[in-house]
């Protein structure tokens, strides 16, 4: 789940089976499928983490944070300010 291509091949983007997403490098628990939402990017998107230390974030540029595994530092993608699911819309 860590890295994918804008040209296809991301198997977790439209994957909504119940379960826990873990770091592909160290198996640290990251997100529950309950917090997953549909998104236009090729990456899966989540509203909250499993644990307070599931991920670490640092500001990469205004409005964008680099997200890494909270245990091993494996790159997981980005978080964008004010980007998320529409209010009142839920798949679960």
PDB file of N, CA and C in Angstrom:
ATOM      1  N   UNK A   1       0.806  -1.187   0.000  1.00  0.00           N
ATOM      2  CA  UNK A   1       0.000   0.000   0.000  1.00  0.00           C
ATOM      3  C   UNK A   1       0.851   1.254   0.000  1.00  0.00           C
ATOM      4  N   UNK A   2       2.122   1.119   0.083  1.00  0.00           N
ATOM      5  CA  UNK A   2       2.968   2.296   0.231  1.00  0.00           C
ATOM      6  C   UNK A   2       3.114   3.140  -1.020  1.00  0.00           C
ATOM      7  N   UNK A   3       3.467   2.524  -2.112  1.00  0.00           N
ATOM      8  CA  UNK A   3       3.725   3.291  -3.316  1.00  0.00           C
ATOM      9  C   UNK A   3       2.899   2.754  -4.471  1.00  0.00           C
ATOM     10  N   UNK A   4       2.499   3.618  -5.357  1.00  0.00           N
ATOM     11  CA  UNK A   4       1.741   3.196  -6.526  1.00  0.00           C
ATOM     12  C   UNK A   4       2.020   4.158  -7.661  1.00  0.00           C
ATOM     13  N   UNK A   5       1.401   3.909  -8.785  1.00  0.00           N
ATOM     14  CA  UNK A   5       1.640   4.687  -9.982  1.00  0.00           C
ATOM     15  C   UNK A   5       0.375   5.427 -10.385  1.00  0.00           C
ATOM     16  N   UNK A   6       0.518   6.595 -10.955  1.00  0.00           N
ATOM     17  CA  UNK A   6      -0.635   7.300 -11.511  1.00  0.00           C
ATOM     18  C   UNK A   6      -1.115   6.604 -12.776  1.00  0.00           C
ATOM     19  N   UNK A   7      -0.372   5.634 -13.271  1.00  0.00           N
ATOM     20  CA  UNK A   7      -0.702   4.960 -14.518  1.00  0.00           C
ATOM     21  C   UNK A   7      -1.354   3.605 -14.297  1.00  0.00           C
ATOM     22  N   UNK A   8      -1.908   3.359 -13.124  1.00  0.00           N
ATOM     23  CA  UNK A   8      -2.621   2.113 -12.850  1.00  0.00           C
ATOM     24  C   UNK A   8      -1.822   1.203 -11.952  1.00  0.00           C
ATOM     25  N   UNK A   9      -2.439   0.104 -11.582  1.00  0.00           N
ATOM     26  CA  UNK A   9      -1.763  -0.881 -10.786  1.00  0.00           C
ATOM     27  C   UNK A   9      -1.994  -0.772  -9.293  1.00  0.00           C
ATOM     28  N   UNK A  10      -2.684   0.270  -8.824  1.00  0.00           N
ATOM     29  CA  UNK A  10      -2.947   0.400  -7.394  1.00  0.00           C
ATOM     30  C   UNK A  10      -4.147  -0.461  -7.035  1.00  0.00           C
ATOM     31  N   UNK A  11      -3.898  -1.590  -6.393  1.00  0.00           N
ATOM     32  CA  UNK A  11      -4.961  -2.542  -6.114  1.00  0.00           C
ATOM     33  C   UNK A  11      -5.821  -2.157  -4.909  1.00  0.00           C
ATOM     34  N   UNK A  12      -5.394  -1.223  -4.074  1.00  0.00           N
ATOM     35  CA  UNK A  12      -6.147  -0.883  -2.881  1.00  0.00           C
ATOM     36  C   UNK A  12      -7.042   0.343  -3.028  1.00  0.00           C
ATOM     37  N   UNK A  13      -6.976   1.061  -4.149  1.00  0.00           N
ATOM     38  CA  UNK A  13      -7.780   2.267  -4.317  1.00  0.00           C
ATOM     39  C   UNK A  13      -9.273   1.959  -4.213  1.00  0.00           C
ATOM     40  N   UNK A  14      -9.757   0.981  -4.948  1.00  0.00           N
ATOM     41  CA  UNK A  14     -11.175   0.644  -4.965  1.00  0.00           C
ATOM     42  C   UNK A  14     -11.480  -0.610  -4.151  1.00  0.00           C
ATOM     43  N   UNK A  15     -10.616  -0.950  -3.252  1.00  0.00           N
ATOM     44  CA  UNK A  15     -10.756  -2.130  -2.403  1.00  0.00           C
ATOM     45  C   UNK A  15     -11.440  -1.707  -1.102  1.00  0.00           C
ATOM     46  N   UNK A  16     -12.656  -2.210  -0.851  1.00  0.00           N
ATOM     47  CA  UNK A  16     -13.412  -1.792   0.331  1.00  0.00           C
ATOM     48  C   UNK A  16     -13.819  -2.953   1.224  1.00  0.00           C
ATOM     49  N   UNK A  17     -13.113  -4.076   1.139  1.00  0.00           N
ATOM     50  CA  UNK A  17     -13.407  -5.188   2.044  1.00  0.00           C
ATOM     51  C   UNK A  17     -13.034  -4.781   3.469  1.00  0.00           C
ATOM     52  N   UNK A  18     -13.809  -5.245   4.467  1.00  0.00           N
ATOM     53  CA  UNK A  18     -13.492  -4.917   5.866  1.00  0.00           C
ATOM     54  C   UNK A  18     -12.119  -5.452   6.273  1.00  0.00           C
ATOM     55  N   UNK A  19     -11.413  -4.683   7.059  1.00  0.00           N
ATOM     56  CA  UNK A  19     -10.111  -5.128   7.541  1.00  0.00           C
ATOM     57  C   UNK A  19      -9.234  -3.989   8.004  1.00  0.00           C
ATOM     58  N   UNK A  20      -7.993  -4.331   8.284  1.00  0.00           N
ATOM     59  CA  UNK A  20      -7.002  -3.375   8.772  1.00  0.00           C
ATOM     60  C   UNK A  20      -5.893  -3.252   7.736  1.00  0.00           C
ATOM     61  N   UNK A  21      -5.532  -2.029   7.397  1.00  0.00           N
ATOM     62  CA  UNK A  21      -4.414  -1.762   6.496  1.00  0.00           C
ATOM     63  C   UNK A  21      -3.154  -1.609   7.346  1.00  0.00           C
ATOM     64  N   UNK A  22      -2.085  -2.275   6.932  1.00  0.00           N
ATOM     65  CA  UNK A  22      -0.822  -2.230   7.673  1.00  0.00           C
ATOM     66  C   UNK A  22       0.290  -1.748   6.757  1.00  0.00           C
ATOM     67  N   UNK A  23       1.381  -1.327   7.342  1.00  0.00           N
ATOM     68  CA  UNK A  23       2.554  -0.905   6.580  1.00  0.00           C
ATOM     69  C   UNK A  23       3.106  -2.102   5.812  1.00  0.00           C
ATOM     70  N   UNK A  24       3.418  -1.904   4.558  1.00  0.00           N
ATOM     71  CA  UNK A  24       3.940  -2.989   3.723  1.00  0.00           C
ATOM     72  C   UNK A  24       5.365  -3.374   4.099  1.00  0.00           C
ATOM     73  N   UNK A  25       6.021  -2.534   4.872  1.00  0.00           N
ATOM     74  CA  UNK A  25       7.405  -2.803   5.250  1.00  0.00           C
ATOM     75  C   UNK A  25       7.523  -3.470   6.626  1.00  0.00           C
ATOM     76  N   UNK A  26       6.702  -3.045   7.614  1.00  0.00           N
ATOM     77  CA  UNK A  26       6.879  -3.557   8.979  1.00  0.00           C
ATOM     78  C   UNK A  26       5.605  -4.120   9.613  1.00  0.00           C
ATOM     79  N   UNK A  27       4.494  -4.106   8.903  1.00  0.00           N
ATOM     80  CA  UNK A  27       3.200  -4.624   9.386  1.00  0.00           C
ATOM     81  C   UNK A  27       2.580  -3.815  10.534  1.00  0.00           C
ATOM     82  N   UNK A  28       3.039  -2.587  10.757  1.00  0.00           N
ATOM     83  CA  UNK A  28       2.450  -1.717  11.785  1.00  0.00           C
ATOM     84  C   UNK A  28       1.026  -1.359  11.355  1.00  0.00           C
ATOM     85  N   UNK A  29       0.034  -1.439  12.262  1.00  0.00           N
ATOM     86  CA  UNK A  29      -1.348  -1.110  11.945  1.00  0.00           C
ATOM     87  C   UNK A  29      -1.478   0.377  11.629  1.00  0.00           C
ATOM     88  N   UNK A  30      -2.113   0.677  10.494  1.00  0.00           N
ATOM     89  CA  UNK A  30      -2.249   2.060  10.051  1.00  0.00           C
ATOM     90  C   UNK A  30      -3.696   2.548  10.090  1.00  0.00           C
ATOM     91  N   UNK A  31      -4.567   1.893   9.308  1.00  0.00           N
ATOM     92  CA  UNK A  31      -5.933   2.368   9.128  1.00  0.00           C
ATOM     93  C   UNK A  31      -6.919   1.205   9.123  1.00  0.00           C
ATOM     94  N   UNK A  32      -8.152   1.485   9.537  1.00  0.00           N
ATOM     95  CA  UNK A  32      -9.243   0.531   9.415  1.00  0.00           C
ATOM     96  C   UNK A  32      -9.979   0.816   8.112  1.00  0.00           C
ATOM     97  N   UNK A  33     -10.524  -0.216   7.505  1.00  0.00           N
ATOM     98  CA  UNK A  33     -11.310  -0.013   6.287  1.00  0.00           C
ATOM     99  C   UNK A  33     -12.539   0.859   6.568  1.00  0.00           C
ATOM    100  N   UNK A  34     -12.972   0.954   7.817  1.00  0.00           N
ATOM    101  CA  UNK A  34     -14.117   1.809   8.161  1.00  0.00           C
ATOM    102  C   UNK A  34     -13.826   3.281   7.949  1.00  0.00           C
ATOM    103  N   UNK A  35     -12.543   3.671   7.995  1.00  0.00           N
ATOM    104  CA  UNK A  35     -12.194   5.085   7.825  1.00  0.00           C
ATOM    105  C   UNK A  35     -11.799   5.409   6.389  1.00  0.00           C
ATOM    106  N   UNK A  36     -11.964   4.462   5.488  1.00  0.00           N
ATOM    107  CA  UNK A  36     -11.580   4.650   4.083  1.00  0.00           C
ATOM    108  C   UNK A  36     -12.703   5.350   3.316  1.00  0.00           C
ATOM    109  N   UNK A  37     -12.326   6.214   2.373  1.00  0.00           N
ATOM    110  CA  UNK A  37     -13.329   6.873   1.544  1.00  0.00           C
ATOM    111  C   UNK A  37     -12.875   6.926   0.093  1.00  0.00           C
ATOM    112  N   UNK A  38     -13.860   7.058  -0.803  1.00  0.00           N
ATOM    113  CA  UNK A  38     -13.550   7.142  -2.232  1.00  0.00           C
ATOM    114  C   UNK A  38     -12.846   8.459  -2.507  1.00  0.00           C
ATOM    115  N   UNK A  39     -11.869   8.403  -3.408  1.00  0.00           N
ATOM    116  CA  UNK A  39     -11.042   9.560  -3.683  1.00  0.00           C
ATOM    117  C   UNK A  39     -10.603   9.509  -5.140  1.00  0.00           C
ATOM    118  N   UNK A  40     -10.282  10.657  -5.722  1.00  0.00           N
ATOM    119  CA  UNK A  40      -9.918  10.701  -7.142  1.00  0.00           C
ATOM    120  C   UNK A  40      -8.464  10.328  -7.420  1.00  0.00           C
ATOM    121  N   UNK A  41      -7.601  10.342  -6.411  1.00  0.00           N
ATOM    122  CA  UNK A  41      -6.196   9.988  -6.639  1.00  0.00           C
ATOM    123  C   UNK A  41      -6.060   8.470  -6.756  1.00  0.00           C
ATOM    124  N   UNK A  42      -4.929   7.966  -7.221  1.00  0.00           N
ATOM    125  CA  UNK A  42      -4.748   6.513  -7.316  1.00  0.00           C
ATOM    126  C   UNK A  42      -4.476   5.849  -5.970  1.00  0.00           C
ATOM    127  N   UNK A  43      -4.309   6.624  -4.901  1.00  0.00           N
ATOM    128  CA  UNK A  43      -4.010   6.072  -3.584  1.00  0.00           C
ATOM    129  C   UNK A  43      -5.286   5.894  -2.782  1.00  0.00           C
ATOM    130  N   UNK A  44      -5.323   4.939  -1.880  1.00  0.00           N
ATOM    131  CA  UNK A  44      -6.456   4.852  -0.959  1.00  0.00           C
ATOM    132  C   UNK A  44      -6.410   6.029   0.006  1.00  0.00           C
ATOM    133  N   UNK A  45      -7.580   6.456   0.487  1.00  0.00           N
ATOM    134  CA  UNK A  45      -7.656   7.622   1.362  1.00  0.00           C
ATOM    135  C   UNK A  45      -8.437   7.270   2.633  1.00  0.00           C
ATOM    136  N   UNK A  46      -7.977   7.801   3.768  1.00  0.00           N
ATOM    137  CA  UNK A  46      -8.547   7.470   5.067  1.00  0.00           C
ATOM    138  C   UNK A  46      -8.783   8.732   5.885  1.00  0.00           C
ATOM    139  N   UNK A  47      -9.785   8.665   6.786  1.00  0.00           N
ATOM    140  CA  UNK A  47     -10.101   9.818   7.629  1.00  0.00           C
ATOM    141  C   UNK A  47      -9.436   9.768   8.990  1.00  0.00           C
ATOM    142  N   UNK A  48      -9.032   8.584   9.466  1.00  0.00           N
ATOM    143  CA  UNK A  48      -8.377   8.493  10.774  1.00  0.00           C
ATOM    144  C   UNK A  48      -7.502   7.252  10.850  1.00  0.00           C
ATOM    145  N   UNK A  49      -6.557   7.295  11.760  1.00  0.00           N
ATOM    146  CA  UNK A  49      -5.633   6.175  11.947  1.00  0.00           C
ATOM    147  C   UNK A  49      -6.144   5.227  13.034  1.00  0.00           C
ATOM    148  N   UNK A  50      -5.548   4.038  13.098  1.00  0.00           N
ATOM    149  CA  UNK A  50      -5.900   3.058  14.133  1.00  0.00           C
ATOM    150  C   UNK A  50      -5.396   3.529  15.500  1.00  0.00           C
ATOM    151  N   UNK A  51      -4.140   3.896  15.569  1.00  0.00           N
ATOM    152  CA  UNK A  51      -3.503   4.330  16.815  1.00  0.00           C
ATOM    153  C   UNK A  51      -2.984   5.757  16.650  1.00  0.00           C
ATOM    154  N   UNK A  52      -2.757   6.423  17.751  1.00  0.00           N
ATOM    155  CA  UNK A  52      -2.208   7.778  17.707  1.00  0.00           C
ATOM    156  C   UNK A  52      -0.855   7.805  16.996  1.00  0.00           C
ATOM    157  N   UNK A  53      -0.071   6.723  17.147  1.00  0.00           N
ATOM    158  CA  UNK A  53       1.265   6.662  16.533  1.00  0.00           C
ATOM    159  C   UNK A  53       1.305   5.839  15.248  1.00  0.00           C
ATOM    160  N   UNK A  54       0.146   5.604  14.625  1.00  0.00           N
ATOM    161  CA  UNK A  54       0.126   4.810  13.389  1.00  0.00           C
ATOM    162  C   UNK A  54       0.945   5.462  12.280  1.00  0.00           C
ATOM    163  N   UNK A  55       0.855   6.782  12.180  1.00  0.00           N
ATOM    164  CA  UNK A  55       1.599   7.502  11.146  1.00  0.00           C
ATOM    165  C   UNK A  55       2.290   8.716  11.749  1.00  0.00           C
ATOM    166  N   UNK A  56       3.281   9.219  11.025  1.00  0.00           N
ATOM    167  CA  UNK A  56       3.890  10.501  11.354  1.00  0.00           C
ATOM    168  C   UNK A  56       3.721  11.391  10.130  1.00  0.00           C
ATOM    169  N   UNK A  57       3.646  12.695  10.360  1.00  0.00           N
ATOM    170  CA  UNK A  57       3.438  13.643   9.264  1.00  0.00           C
ATOM    171  C   UNK A  57       4.394  14.809   9.413  1.00  0.00           C
ATOM    172  N   UNK A  58       4.831  15.338   8.285  1.00  0.00           N
ATOM    173  CA  UNK A  58       5.566  16.593   8.333  1.00  0.00           C
ATOM    174  C   UNK A  58       5.155  17.440   7.146  1.00  0.00           C
ATOM    175  N   UNK A  59       5.139  18.743   7.373  1.00  0.00           N
ATOM    176  CA  UNK A  59       4.705  19.677   6.329  1.00  0.00           C
ATOM    177  C   UNK A  59       5.730  19.675   5.205  1.00  0.00           C
ATOM    178  N   UNK A  60       5.288  19.321   4.011  1.00  0.00           N
ATOM    179  CA  UNK A  60       6.166  19.285   2.850  1.00  0.00           C
ATOM    180  C   UNK A  60       6.099  20.601   2.081  1.00  0.00           C
ATOM    181  N   UNK A  61       4.895  21.164   2.030  1.00  0.00           N
ATOM    182  CA  UNK A  61       4.665  22.469   1.399  1.00  0.00           C
ATOM    183  C   UNK A  61       3.328  22.981   1.923  1.00  0.00           C
ATOM    184  N   UNK A  62       2.980  24.234   1.692  1.00  0.00           N
ATOM    185  CA  UNK A  62       1.707  24.743   2.221  1.00  0.00           C
ATOM    186  C   UNK A  62       0.537  23.873   1.758  1.00  0.00           C
ATOM    187  N   UNK A  63      -0.233  23.391   2.728  1.00  0.00           N
ATOM    188  CA  UNK A  63      -1.408  22.590   2.416  1.00  0.00           C
ATOM    189  C   UNK A  63      -1.153  21.116   2.161  1.00  0.00           C
ATOM    190  N   UNK A  64       0.106  20.672   2.254  1.00  0.00           N
ATOM    191  CA  UNK A  64       0.419  19.267   1.981  1.00  0.00           C
ATOM    192  C   UNK A  64       1.394  18.713   3.013  1.00  0.00           C
ATOM    193  N   UNK A  65       1.061  17.563   3.552  1.00  0.00           N
ATOM    194  CA  UNK A  65       1.895  16.873   4.529  1.00  0.00           C
ATOM    195  C   UNK A  65       2.350  15.531   3.979  1.00  0.00           C
ATOM    196  N   UNK A  66       3.602  15.209   4.155  1.00  0.00           N
ATOM    197  CA  UNK A  66       4.131  13.890   3.820  1.00  0.00           C
ATOM    198  C   UNK A  66       3.760  12.960   4.961  1.00  0.00           C
ATOM    199  N   UNK A  67       3.210  11.787   4.638  1.00  0.00           N
ATOM    200  CA  UNK A  67       2.767  10.830   5.652  1.00  0.00           C
ATOM    201  C   UNK A  67       3.664   9.598   5.585  1.00  0.00           C
ATOM    202  N   UNK A  68       4.150   9.171   6.758  1.00  0.00           N
ATOM    203  CA  UNK A  68       5.029   8.004   6.856  1.00  0.00           C
ATOM    204  C   UNK A  68       4.513   7.065   7.935  1.00  0.00           C
ATOM    205  N   UNK A  69       4.921   5.821   7.863  1.00  0.00           N
ATOM    206  CA  UNK A  69       4.600   4.858   8.903  1.00  0.00           C
ATOM    207  C   UNK A  69       5.176   5.371  10.214  1.00  0.00           C
ATOM    208  N   UNK A  70       4.380   5.334  11.288  1.00  0.00           N
ATOM    209  CA  UNK A  70       4.828   5.816  12.578  1.00  0.00           C
ATOM    210  C   UNK A  70       5.873   4.940  13.233  1.00  0.00           C
ATOM    211  N   UNK A  71       6.057   3.727  12.733  1.00  0.00           N
ATOM    212  CA  UNK A  71       7.035   2.815  13.325  1.00  0.00           C
ATOM    213  C   UNK A  71       8.351   2.798  12.557  1.00  0.00           C
ATOM    214  N   UNK A  72       8.303   2.598  11.230  1.00  0.00           N
ATOM    215  CA  UNK A  72       9.543   2.417  10.464  1.00  0.00           C
ATOM    216  C   UNK A  72       9.869   3.570   9.518  1.00  0.00           C
ATOM    217  N   UNK A  73       8.934   4.512   9.327  1.00  0.00           N
ATOM    218  CA  UNK A  73       9.203   5.651   8.456  1.00  0.00           C
ATOM    219  C   UNK A  73       8.950   5.402   6.980  1.00  0.00           C
ATOM    220  N   UNK A  74       8.375   4.259   6.621  1.00  0.00           N
ATOM    221  CA  UNK A  74       8.061   3.946   5.229  1.00  0.00           C
ATOM    222  C   UNK A  74       7.095   5.000   4.673  1.00  0.00           C
ATOM    223  N   UNK A  75       7.351   5.516   3.483  1.00  0.00           N
ATOM    224  CA  UNK A  75       6.507   6.532   2.861  1.00  0.00           C
ATOM    225  C   UNK A  75       5.147   5.989   2.490  1.00  0.00           C
ATOM    226  N   UNK A  76       4.084   6.703   2.895  1.00  0.00           N
ATOM    227  CA  UNK A  76       2.716   6.267   2.622  1.00  0.00           C
ATOM    228  C   UNK A  76       1.959   7.195   1.693  1.00  0.00           C
ATOM    229  N   UNK A  77       2.475   8.359   1.420  1.00  0.00           N
ATOM    230  CA  UNK A  77       1.783   9.298   0.541  1.00  0.00           C
ATOM    231  C   UNK A  77       1.685  10.669   1.175  1.00  0.00           C
ATOM    232  N   UNK A  78       0.597  11.373   0.855  1.00  0.00           N
ATOM    233  CA  UNK A  78       0.404  12.744   1.316  1.00  0.00           C
ATOM    234  C   UNK A  78      -0.980  12.930   1.916  1.00  0.00           C
ATOM    235  N   UNK A  79      -1.065  13.938   2.773  1.00  0.00           N
ATOM    236  CA  UNK A  79      -2.346  14.410   3.275  1.00  0.00           C
ATOM    237  C   UNK A  79      -2.474  15.848   2.826  1.00  0.00           C
ATOM    238  N   UNK A  80      -3.645  16.189   2.261  1.00  0.00           N
ATOM    239  CA  UNK A  80      -3.872  17.542   1.774  1.00  0.00           C
ATOM    240  C   UNK A  80      -4.916  18.226   2.647  1.00  0.00           C
ATOM    241  N   UNK A  81      -4.621  19.443   3.076  1.00  0.00           N
ATOM    242  CA  UNK A  81      -5.499  20.207   3.945  1.00  0.00           C
ATOM    243  C   UNK A  81      -6.830  20.450   3.239  1.00  0.00           C
ATOM    244  N   UNK A  82      -7.922  20.290   3.984  1.00  0.00           N
ATOM    245  CA  UNK A  82      -9.293  20.501   3.483  1.00  0.00           C
ATOM    246  C   UNK A  82      -9.680  19.544   2.362  1.00  0.00           C
ATOM    247  N   UNK A  83      -9.041  18.385   2.300  1.00  0.00           N
ATOM    248  CA  UNK A  83      -9.395  17.373   1.304  1.00  0.00           C
ATOM    249  C   UNK A  83      -9.917  16.156   2.059  1.00  0.00           C
ATOM    250  N   UNK A  84     -11.089  15.725   1.739  1.00  0.00           N
ATOM    251  CA  UNK A  84     -11.668  14.583   2.434  1.00  0.00           C
ATOM    252  C   UNK A  84     -13.023  14.241   1.868  1.00  0.00           C
ATOM    253  N   UNK A  85     -13.700  13.303   2.522  1.00  0.00           N
ATOM    254  CA  UNK A  85     -15.013  12.888   2.007  1.00  0.00           C
ATOM    255  C   UNK A  85     -16.039  14.000   2.158  1.00  0.00           C
ATOM    256  N   UNK A  86     -17.029  13.990   1.265  1.00  0.00           N
ATOM    257  CA  UNK A  86     -18.109  14.973   1.346  1.00  0.00           C
ATOM    258  C   UNK A  86     -18.887  14.766   2.642  1.00  0.00           C
ATOM    259  N   UNK A  87     -19.322  15.832   3.243  1.00  0.00           N
ATOM    260  CA  UNK A  87     -20.080  15.734   4.505  1.00  0.00           C
ATOM    261  C   UNK A  87     -21.359  14.934   4.260  1.00  0.00           C
ATOM    262  N   UNK A  88     -21.643  13.996   5.175  1.00  0.00           N
ATOM    263  CA  UNK A  88     -22.857  13.211   5.080  1.00  0.00           C
ATOM    264  C   UNK A  88     -22.793  12.035   4.126  1.00  0.00           C
ATOM    265  N   UNK A  89     -21.648  11.829   3.463  1.00  0.00           N
ATOM    266  CA  UNK A  89     -21.502  10.717   2.524  1.00  0.00           C
ATOM    267  C   UNK A  89     -20.640   9.648   3.179  1.00  0.00           C
ATOM    268  N   UNK A  90     -21.142   8.424   3.177  1.00  0.00           N
ATOM    269  CA  UNK A  90     -20.388   7.334   3.782  1.00  0.00           C
ATOM    270  C   UNK A  90     -20.645   6.040   3.024  1.00  0.00           C
ATOM    271  N   UNK A  91     -19.607   5.245   2.875  1.00  0.00           N
ATOM    272  CA  UNK A  91     -19.750   3.931   2.239  1.00  0.00           C
ATOM    273  C   UNK A  91     -20.130   2.882   3.267  1.00  0.00           C
ATOM    274  N   UNK A  92     -20.035   3.188   4.543  1.00  0.00           N
ATOM    275  CA  UNK A  92     -20.217   2.152   5.569  1.00  0.00           C
ATOM    276  C   UNK A  92     -21.415   2.438   6.432  1.00  0.00           C
TER     277      UNK A  92
END
